[in-house]
All heavy atoms as atom14 arrays in JSON, in Angstrom:
{
  "sequence": "NGIYLMSGSHDCSIRLWNLDSKTCVQEITAHRKKLDESIY",
  "atom14_mask": [
    [1, 1, 1, 1, 1, 1, 1, 1, 0, 0, 0, 0, 0, 0],
    [1, 1, 1, 1, 0, 0, 0, 0, 0, 0, 0, 0, 0, 0],
    [1, 1, 1, 1, 1, 1, 1, 1, 0, 0, 0, 0, 0, 0],
    [1, 1, 1, 1, 1, 1, 1, 1, 1, 1, 1, 1, 0, 0],
    [1, 1, 1, 1, 1, 1, 1, 1, 0, 0, 0, 0, 0, 0],
    [1, 1, 1, 1, 1, 1, 1, 1, 0, 0, 0, 0, 0, 0],
    [1, 1, 1, 1, 1, 1, 0, 0, 0, 0, 0, 0, 0, 0],
    [1, 1, 1, 1, 0, 0, 0, 0, 0, 0, 0, 0, 0, 0],
    [1, 1, 1, 1, 1, 1, 0, 0, 0, 0, 0, 0, 0, 0],
    [1, 1, 1, 1, 1, 1, 1, 1, 1, 1, 0, 0, 0, 0],
    [1, 1, 1, 1, 1, 1, 1, 1, 0, 0, 0, 0, 0, 0],
    [1, 1, 1, 1, 1, 1, 0, 0, 0, 0, 0, 0, 0, 0],
    [1, 1, 1, 1, 1, 1, 0, 0, 0, 0, 0, 0, 0, 0],
    [1, 1, 1, 1, 1, 1, 1, 1, 0, 0, 0, 0, 0, 0],
    [1, 1, 1, 1, 1, 1, 1, 1, 1, 1, 1, 0, 0, 0],
    [1, 1, 1, 1, 1, 1, 1, 1, 0, 0, 0, 0, 0, 0],
    [1, 1, 1, 1, 1, 1, 1, 1, 1, 1, 1, 1, 1, 1],
    [1, 1, 1, 1, 1, 1, 1, 1, 0, 0, 0, 0, 0, 0],
    [1, 1, 1, 1, 1, 1, 1, 1, 0, 0, 0, 0, 0, 0],
    [1, 1, 1, 1, 1, 1, 1, 1, 0, 0, 0, 0, 0, 0],
    [1, 1, 1, 1, 1, 1, 0, 0, 0, 0, 0, 0, 0, 0],
    [1, 1, 1, 1, 1, 1, 1, 1, 1, 0, 0, 0, 0, 0],
    [1, 1, 1, 1, 1, 1, 1, 0, 0, 0, 0, 0, 0, 0],
    [1, 1, 1, 1, 1, 1, 0, 0, 0, 0, 0, 0, 0, 0],
    [1, 1, 1, 1, 1, 1, 1, 0, 0, 0, 0, 0, 0, 0],
    [1, 1, 1, 1, 1, 1, 1, 1, 1, 0, 0, 0, 0, 0],
    [1, 1, 1, 1, 1, 1, 1, 1, 1, 0, 0, 0, 0, 0],
    [1, 1, 1, 1, 1, 1, 1, 1, 0, 0, 0, 0, 0, 0],
    [1, 1, 1, 1, 1, 1, 1, 0, 0, 0, 0, 0, 0, 0],
    [1, 1, 1, 1, 1, 0, 0, 0, 0, 0, 0, 0, 0, 0],
    [1, 1, 1, 1, 1, 1, 1, 1, 1, 1, 0, 0, 0, 0],
    [1, 1, 1, 1, 1, 1, 1, 1, 1, 1, 1, 0, 0, 0],
    [1, 1, 1, 1, 1, 1, 1, 1, 1, 0, 0, 0, 0, 0],
    [1, 1, 1, 1, 1, 1, 1, 1, 1, 0, 0, 0, 0, 0],
    [1, 1, 1, 1, 1, 1, 1, 1, 0, 0, 0, 0, 0, 0],
    [1, 1, 1, 1, 1, 1, 1, 1, 0, 0, 0, 0, 0, 0],
    [1, 1, 1, 1, 1, 1, 1, 1, 1, 0, 0, 0, 0, 0],
    [1, 1, 1, 1, 1, 1, 0, 0, 0, 0, 0, 0, 0, 0],
    [1, 1, 1, 1, 1, 1, 1, 1, 0, 0, 0, 0, 0, 0],
    [1, 1, 1, 1, 1, 1, 1, 1, 1, 1, 1, 1, 0, 0]
  ],
  "atom14_positions": [
    [[-11.77, 0.85, 19.41], [-11.78, 1.86, 20.37], [-11.64, 3.24, 19.76], [-11.84, 4.23, 20.33], [-10.82, 1.72, 21.44], [-11.1, 0.43, 22.29], [-12.26, 0.2, 22.62], [-9.99, -0.2, 22.5], [0.0, 0.0, 0.0], [0.0, 0.0, 0.0], [0.0, 0.0, 0.0], [0.0, 0.0, 0.0], [0.0, 0.0, 0.0], [0.0, 0.0, 0.0]],
    [[-11.14, 3.2, 18.34], [-11.05, 4.54, 17.73], [-9.88, 5.34, 18.13], [-9.82, 6.48, 17.92], [0.0, 0.0, 0.0], [0.0, 0.0, 0.0], [0.0, 0.0, 0.0], [0.0, 0.0, 0.0], [0.0, 0.0, 0.0], [0.0, 0.0, 0.0], [0.0, 0.0, 0.0], [0.0, 0.0, 0.0], [0.0, 0.0, 0.0], [0.0, 0.0, 0.0]],
    [[-8.87, 4.75, 18.65], [-7.64, 5.39, 19.22], [-6.56, 5.3, 18.1], [-5.9, 6.23, 17.95], [-7.15, 4.75, 20.46], [-8.22, 4.88, 21.55], [-5.86, 5.42, 20.88], [-7.83, 4.15, 22.91], [0.0, 0.0, 0.0], [0.0, 0.0, 0.0], [0.0, 0.0, 0.0], [0.0, 0.0, 0.0], [0.0, 0.0, 0.0], [0.0, 0.0, 0.0]],
    [[-6.39, 4.12, 17.38], [-5.3, 3.93, 16.48], [-5.94, 3.74, 15.17], [-6.84, 3.09, 14.9], [-4.39, 2.83, 16.88], [-3.71, 2.98, 18.25], [-4.12, 2.32, 19.39], [-2.64, 3.94, 18.25], [-3.54, 2.64, 20.6], [-2.01, 4.15, 19.5], [-2.4, 3.48, 20.7], [-1.75, 3.66, 21.81], [0.0, 0.0, 0.0], [0.0, 0.0, 0.0]],
    [[-5.04, 4.3, 14.11], [-5.29, 3.9, 12.6], [-4.08, 3.07, 12.3], [-3.01, 3.31, 12.63], [-5.31, 5.19, 11.82], [-5.44, 5.02, 10.4], [-6.73, 4.52, 9.85], [-4.98, 6.36, 9.63], [0.0, 0.0, 0.0], [0.0, 0.0, 0.0], [0.0, 0.0, 0.0], [0.0, 0.0, 0.0], [0.0, 0.0, 0.0], [0.0, 0.0, 0.0]],
    [[-4.32, 2.12, 11.56], [-3.23, 1.13, 10.79], [-3.34, 1.38, 9.4], [-4.41, 1.28, 8.77], [-3.38, -0.26, 11.31], [-2.4, -1.13, 10.83], [-2.25, -2.84, 11.57], [-4.07, -3.35, 11.55], [0.0, 0.0, 0.0], [0.0, 0.0, 0.0], [0.0, 0.0, 0.0], [0.0, 0.0, 0.0], [0.0, 0.0, 0.0], [0.0, 0.0, 0.0]],
    [[-2.11, 1.42, 8.76], [-2.03, 1.52, 7.27], [-1.14, 0.64, 6.82], [-0.09, 0.4, 7.47], [-1.76, 3.03, 6.94], [-0.41, 3.39, 7.42], [0.0, 0.0, 0.0], [0.0, 0.0, 0.0], [0.0, 0.0, 0.0], [0.0, 0.0, 0.0], [0.0, 0.0, 0.0], [0.0, 0.0, 0.0], [0.0, 0.0, 0.0], [0.0, 0.0, 0.0]],
    [[-1.44, 0.15, 5.68], [-0.48, -0.72, 4.91], [-0.18, -0.06, 3.46], [-0.93, 0.62, 2.93], [0.0, 0.0, 0.0], [0.0, 0.0, 0.0], [0.0, 0.0, 0.0], [0.0, 0.0, 0.0], [0.0, 0.0, 0.0], [0.0, 0.0, 0.0], [0.0, 0.0, 0.0], [0.0, 0.0, 0.0], [0.0, 0.0, 0.0], [0.0, 0.0, 0.0]],
    [[1.09, -0.47, 3.02], [1.55, 0.21, 1.78], [2.29, -0.76, 0.9], [2.89, -1.8, 1.4], [2.33, 1.36, 2.12], [3.13, 1.95, 1.0], [0.0, 0.0, 0.0], [0.0, 0.0, 0.0], [0.0, 0.0, 0.0], [0.0, 0.0, 0.0], [0.0, 0.0, 0.0], [0.0, 0.0, 0.0], [0.0, 0.0, 0.0], [0.0, 0.0, 0.0]],
    [[2.44, -0.43, -0.42], [3.36, -1.15, -1.32], [4.88, -0.95, -0.96], [5.79, -1.46, -1.58], [3.1, -0.88, -2.76], [1.87, -1.43, -3.27], [1.34, -2.69, -2.89], [0.98, -0.93, -4.14], [0.2, -2.92, -3.53], [-0.02, -1.87, -4.28], [0.0, 0.0, 0.0], [0.0, 0.0, 0.0], [0.0, 0.0, 0.0], [0.0, 0.0, 0.0]],
    [[5.15, -0.01, 0.09], [6.42, 0.09, 0.51], [6.79, -0.94, 1.53], [8.0, -0.91, 2.11], [6.81, 1.51, 1.12], [5.95, 1.74, 2.46], [5.45, 0.77, 3.05], [5.92, 2.93, 2.85], [0.0, 0.0, 0.0], [0.0, 0.0, 0.0], [0.0, 0.0, 0.0], [0.0, 0.0, 0.0], [0.0, 0.0, 0.0], [0.0, 0.0, 0.0]],
    [[6.05, -1.94, 1.71], [6.35, -3.17, 2.54], [6.04, -2.96, 4.09], [6.34, -3.84, 4.81], [7.67, -3.75, 2.35], [8.06, -4.22, 0.66], [0.0, 0.0, 0.0], [0.0, 0.0, 0.0], [0.0, 0.0, 0.0], [0.0, 0.0, 0.0], [0.0, 0.0, 0.0], [0.0, 0.0, 0.0], [0.0, 0.0, 0.0], [0.0, 0.0, 0.0]],
    [[5.66, -1.75, 4.51], [5.42, -1.47, 5.81], [3.99, -1.36, 6.24], [3.11, -0.98, 5.47], [6.22, -0.19, 6.22], [5.48, 1.0, 5.8], [0.0, 0.0, 0.0], [0.0, 0.0, 0.0], [0.0, 0.0, 0.0], [0.0, 0.0, 0.0], [0.0, 0.0, 0.0], [0.0, 0.0, 0.0], [0.0, 0.0, 0.0], [0.0, 0.0, 0.0]],
    [[3.83, -1.68, 7.48], [2.53, -1.43, 8.29], [2.86, -0.19, 9.22], [3.98, -0.37, 9.9], [2.03, -2.53, 9.14], [1.68, -3.74, 8.21], [0.87, -2.28, 9.92], [1.53, -5.06, 8.91], [0.0, 0.0, 0.0], [0.0, 0.0, 0.0], [0.0, 0.0, 0.0], [0.0, 0.0, 0.0], [0.0, 0.0, 0.0], [0.0, 0.0, 0.0]],
    [[2.06, 0.74, 9.27], [2.34, 1.73, 10.15], [0.98, 1.97, 11.17], [0.03, 1.93, 10.57], [2.63, 3.13, 9.45], [3.98, 3.04, 8.7], [4.4, 4.36, 8.02], [5.76, 4.22, 7.62], [6.53, 5.05, 7.0], [5.97, 6.4, 6.91], [7.68, 4.99, 6.51], [0.0, 0.0, 0.0], [0.0, 0.0, 0.0], [0.0, 0.0, 0.0]],
    [[1.46, 2.22, 12.31], [0.29, 2.49, 13.31], [0.3, 4.0, 13.69], [1.37, 4.5, 14.02], [0.67, 1.58, 14.59], [-0.48, 1.38, 15.57], [-1.72, 0.73, 14.96], [-0.12, 0.57, 16.82], [0.0, 0.0, 0.0], [0.0, 0.0, 0.0], [0.0, 0.0, 0.0], [0.0, 0.0, 0.0], [0.0, 0.0, 0.0], [0.0, 0.0, 0.0]],
    [[-0.84, 4.55, 13.6], [-0.94, 5.89, 14.02], [-1.77, 6.35, 15.06], [-2.81, 5.66, 15.21], [-1.52, 6.71, 12.47], [-0.81, 6.46, 11.36], [-1.01, 5.32, 10.56], [0.19, 7.16, 10.7], [-0.1, 5.38, 9.4], [0.67, 6.51, 9.58], [0.86, 8.41, 11.09], [1.63, 7.06, 8.71], [1.89, 8.95, 10.15], [2.18, 8.11, 9.09]],
    [[-1.36, 7.29, 15.91], [-2.23, 7.91, 16.92], [-3.13, 8.82, 16.22], [-2.77, 9.75, 15.55], [-1.48, 8.54, 17.97], [-2.23, 9.1, 19.03], [-3.13, 10.02, 18.74], [-1.99, 8.73, 20.29], [0.0, 0.0, 0.0], [0.0, 0.0, 0.0], [0.0, 0.0, 0.0], [0.0, 0.0, 0.0], [0.0, 0.0, 0.0], [0.0, 0.0, 0.0]],
    [[-4.53, 8.46, 16.3], [-5.49, 9.27, 15.57], [-5.66, 10.75, 16.15], [-6.01, 11.57, 15.44], [-6.83, 8.65, 15.65], [-7.04, 7.53, 14.55], [-8.36, 6.7, 14.7], [-7.05, 8.25, 13.18], [0.0, 0.0, 0.0], [0.0, 0.0, 0.0], [0.0, 0.0, 0.0], [0.0, 0.0, 0.0], [0.0, 0.0, 0.0], [0.0, 0.0, 0.0]],
    [[-5.42, 10.85, 17.36], [-5.55, 12.22, 18.02], [-4.37, 13.14, 17.54], [-4.65, 14.18, 16.95], [-5.41, 12.16, 19.54], [-5.78, 13.43, 20.26], [-6.71, 14.09, 19.57], [-5.23, 13.74, 21.27], [0.0, 0.0, 0.0], [0.0, 0.0, 0.0], [0.0, 0.0, 0.0], [0.0, 0.0, 0.0], [0.0, 0.0, 0.0], [0.0, 0.0, 0.0]],
    [[-3.14, 12.65, 17.53], [-2.0, 13.52, 17.18], [-1.6, 13.29, 15.7], [-0.83, 14.23, 15.2], [-0.76, 13.31, 18.1], [-0.37, 11.82, 17.85], [0.0, 0.0, 0.0], [0.0, 0.0, 0.0], [0.0, 0.0, 0.0], [0.0, 0.0, 0.0], [0.0, 0.0, 0.0], [0.0, 0.0, 0.0], [0.0, 0.0, 0.0], [0.0, 0.0, 0.0]],
    [[-2.1, 12.27, 15.03], [-1.91, 12.0, 13.56], [-0.27, 11.67, 13.49], [0.4, 11.97, 12.43], [-2.16, 13.16, 12.61], [-3.51, 13.65, 12.75], [-4.65, 12.59, 12.33], [-5.99, 13.28, 12.19], [-6.54, 13.75, 13.43], [0.0, 0.0, 0.0], [0.0, 0.0, 0.0], [0.0, 0.0, 0.0], [0.0, 0.0, 0.0], [0.0, 0.0, 0.0]],
    [[0.18, 11.04, 14.46], [1.7, 10.81, 14.48], [1.86, 9.28, 14.35], [1.04, 8.59, 14.93], [2.48, 11.29, 15.53], [1.86, 10.75, 16.85], [2.51, 12.89, 15.63], [0.0, 0.0, 0.0], [0.0, 0.0, 0.0], [0.0, 0.0, 0.0], [0.0, 0.0, 0.0], [0.0, 0.0, 0.0], [0.0, 0.0, 0.0], [0.0, 0.0, 0.0]],
    [[2.97, 8.69, 13.7], [3.29, 7.28, 13.58], [3.9, 6.87, 14.95], [4.83, 7.39, 15.27], [4.22, 7.07, 12.39], [4.54, 5.43, 12.16], [0.0, 0.0, 0.0], [0.0, 0.0, 0.0], [0.0, 0.0, 0.0], [0.0, 0.0, 0.0], [0.0, 0.0, 0.0], [0.0, 0.0, 0.0], [0.0, 0.0, 0.0], [0.0, 0.0, 0.0]],
    [[3.34, 5.92, 15.52], [3.82, 5.38, 16.78], [4.55, 4.06, 16.64], [5.29, 3.55, 17.5], [2.75, 5.25, 17.88], [2.06, 6.66, 18.13], [1.58, 4.3, 17.46], [0.0, 0.0, 0.0], [0.0, 0.0, 0.0], [0.0, 0.0, 0.0], [0.0, 0.0, 0.0], [0.0, 0.0, 0.0], [0.0, 0.0, 0.0], [0.0, 0.0, 0.0]],
    [[4.25, 3.31, 15.5], [5.04, 2.11, 15.25], [5.01, 1.77, 13.81], [4.11, 2.09, 13.02], [4.28, 0.98, 16.05], [5.1, -0.43, 16.03], [4.46, -1.41, 16.92], [3.36, -1.13, 17.56], [5.07, -2.6, 16.97], [0.0, 0.0, 0.0], [0.0, 0.0, 0.0], [0.0, 0.0, 0.0], [0.0, 0.0, 0.0], [0.0, 0.0, 0.0]],
    [[6.13, 1.17, 13.36], [6.37, 0.71, 11.95], [6.81, -0.68, 11.96], [7.81, -1.06, 12.66], [7.17, 1.66, 11.24], [7.42, 1.22, 9.81], [8.22, 2.19, 8.91], [8.72, 3.16, 9.52], [8.46, 1.88, 7.76], [0.0, 0.0, 0.0], [0.0, 0.0, 0.0], [0.0, 0.0, 0.0], [0.0, 0.0, 0.0], [0.0, 0.0, 0.0]],
    [[6.19, -1.58, 11.12], [6.59, -2.88, 11.07], [6.76, -3.31, 9.56], [6.02, -2.9, 8.58], [5.45, -3.97, 11.56], [5.1, -3.59, 12.96], [5.97, -5.33, 11.29], [3.84, -4.34, 13.42], [0.0, 0.0, 0.0], [0.0, 0.0, 0.0], [0.0, 0.0, 0.0], [0.0, 0.0, 0.0], [0.0, 0.0, 0.0], [0.0, 0.0, 0.0]],
    [[7.96, -3.86, 9.2], [8.22, -4.24, 7.82], [7.65, -5.71, 7.77], [8.21, -6.5, 8.42], [9.79, -4.3, 7.36], [10.21, -3.0, 7.57], [9.94, -4.73, 5.95], [0.0, 0.0, 0.0], [0.0, 0.0, 0.0], [0.0, 0.0, 0.0], [0.0, 0.0, 0.0], [0.0, 0.0, 0.0], [0.0, 0.0, 0.0], [0.0, 0.0, 0.0]],
    [[6.58, -5.85, 6.91], [5.84, -7.03, 7.03], [5.79, -7.96, 5.83], [5.76, -9.13, 6.09], [4.37, -6.63, 7.32], [0.0, 0.0, 0.0], [0.0, 0.0, 0.0], [0.0, 0.0, 0.0], [0.0, 0.0, 0.0], [0.0, 0.0, 0.0], [0.0, 0.0, 0.0], [0.0, 0.0, 0.0], [0.0, 0.0, 0.0], [0.0, 0.0, 0.0]],
    [[5.99, -7.53, 4.7], [5.92, -8.35, 3.54], [6.99, -8.07, 2.48], [7.32, -6.84, 2.42], [4.48, -8.37, 2.97], [3.36, -8.83, 3.74], [2.99, -10.12, 3.71], [2.69, -8.33, 4.73], [2.04, -10.42, 4.56], [1.81, -9.22, 5.16], [0.0, 0.0, 0.0], [0.0, 0.0, 0.0], [0.0, 0.0, 0.0], [0.0, 0.0, 0.0]],
    [[7.26, -9.04, 1.78], [8.19, -8.84, 0.57], [7.39, -8.25, -0.65], [6.3, -8.51, -0.79], [8.89, -10.08, 0.12], [9.77, -10.71, 1.29], [10.55, -11.9, 0.68], [9.57, -12.87, 0.04], [9.03, -13.81, 0.68], [9.07, -13.96, 2.01], [8.12, -14.67, 0.07], [0.0, 0.0, 0.0], [0.0, 0.0, 0.0], [0.0, 0.0, 0.0]],
    [[8.09, -7.62, -1.57], [7.57, -7.16, -2.69], [7.3, -8.33, -3.76], [8.24, -9.06, -3.88], [8.24, -5.93, -3.31], [7.89, -4.5, -2.8], [8.22, -3.44, -3.78], [7.67, -2.16, -3.29], [7.68, -1.01, -4.17], [0.0, 0.0, 0.0], [0.0, 0.0, 0.0], [0.0, 0.0, 0.0], [0.0, 0.0, 0.0], [0.0, 0.0, 0.0]],
    [[6.27, -8.19, -4.61], [6.11, -9.03, -5.61], [5.55, -8.24, -6.77], [4.34, -7.71, -6.63], [5.31, -10.23, -5.41], [5.25, -11.3, -6.5], [4.42, -12.46, -6.05], [4.31, -13.51, -7.23], [3.47, -14.65, -6.88], [0.0, 0.0, 0.0], [0.0, 0.0, 0.0], [0.0, 0.0, 0.0], [0.0, 0.0, 0.0], [0.0, 0.0, 0.0]],
    [[6.09, -8.09, -7.87], [5.68, -7.31, -9.04], [5.33, -5.87, -8.58], [4.17, -5.44, -8.88], [4.38, -7.91, -9.74], [4.91, -9.36, -10.25], [3.45, -10.0, -10.74], [5.8, -9.41, -11.33], [0.0, 0.0, 0.0], [0.0, 0.0, 0.0], [0.0, 0.0, 0.0], [0.0, 0.0, 0.0], [0.0, 0.0, 0.0], [0.0, 0.0, 0.0]],
    [[6.2, -5.24, -7.88], [5.94, -3.9, -7.29], [4.79, -3.79, -6.28], [4.38, -2.53, -6.07], [5.9, -2.91, -8.54], [7.16, -2.6, -9.15], [8.34, -2.79, -8.45], [7.19, -2.35, -10.37], [0.0, 0.0, 0.0], [0.0, 0.0, 0.0], [0.0, 0.0, 0.0], [0.0, 0.0, 0.0], [0.0, 0.0, 0.0], [0.0, 0.0, 0.0]],
    [[4.28, -4.79, -5.81], [3.2, -4.61, -4.79], [3.53, -5.44, -3.61], [4.45, -6.27, -3.64], [1.91, -5.27, -5.5], [1.33, -4.6, -6.63], [0.04, -5.12, -7.13], [-0.3, -6.27, -6.78], [-0.68, -4.39, -7.89], [0.0, 0.0, 0.0], [0.0, 0.0, 0.0], [0.0, 0.0, 0.0], [0.0, 0.0, 0.0], [0.0, 0.0, 0.0]],
    [[2.99, -4.98, -2.49], [3.29, -5.64, -1.3], [2.14, -5.95, -0.24], [1.56, -7.03, -0.39], [4.43, -4.69, -0.48], [4.78, -5.34, 0.71], [0.0, 0.0, 0.0], [0.0, 0.0, 0.0], [0.0, 0.0, 0.0], [0.0, 0.0, 0.0], [0.0, 0.0, 0.0], [0.0, 0.0, 0.0], [0.0, 0.0, 0.0], [0.0, 0.0, 0.0]],
    [[1.56, -5.01, 0.36], [0.6, -5.15, 1.49], [-0.79, -4.93, 0.87], [-1.0, -3.79, 0.15], [0.91, -4.37, 2.69], [2.15, -4.85, 3.38], [-0.45, -4.57, 3.7], [2.62, -4.12, 4.58], [0.0, 0.0, 0.0], [0.0, 0.0, 0.0], [0.0, 0.0, 0.0], [0.0, 0.0, 0.0], [0.0, 0.0, 0.0], [0.0, 0.0, 0.0]],
    [[-1.63, -5.84, 0.85], [-3.02, -5.59, 0.21], [-4.16, -5.21, 1.3], [-5.1, -4.6, 1.0], [-3.49, -6.91, -0.47], [-2.78, -7.26, -1.72], [-2.54, -8.65, -2.07], [-2.35, -6.17, -2.54], [-1.82, -8.84, -3.34], [-1.72, -6.47, -3.81], [-1.51, -7.83, -4.1], [-0.87, -8.13, -5.27], [0.0, 0.0, 0.0], [0.0, 0.0, 0.0]]
  ]
}
């Protein structure tokens, strides 16, 4: 629907962003690190 953006990072978190306000509305710690990498 083009309302939310989801991002993943090597900081082990998934973040959900409101695309209109560009603010983070939810954060989930999702994966463990392996060799300094996490979410692909």
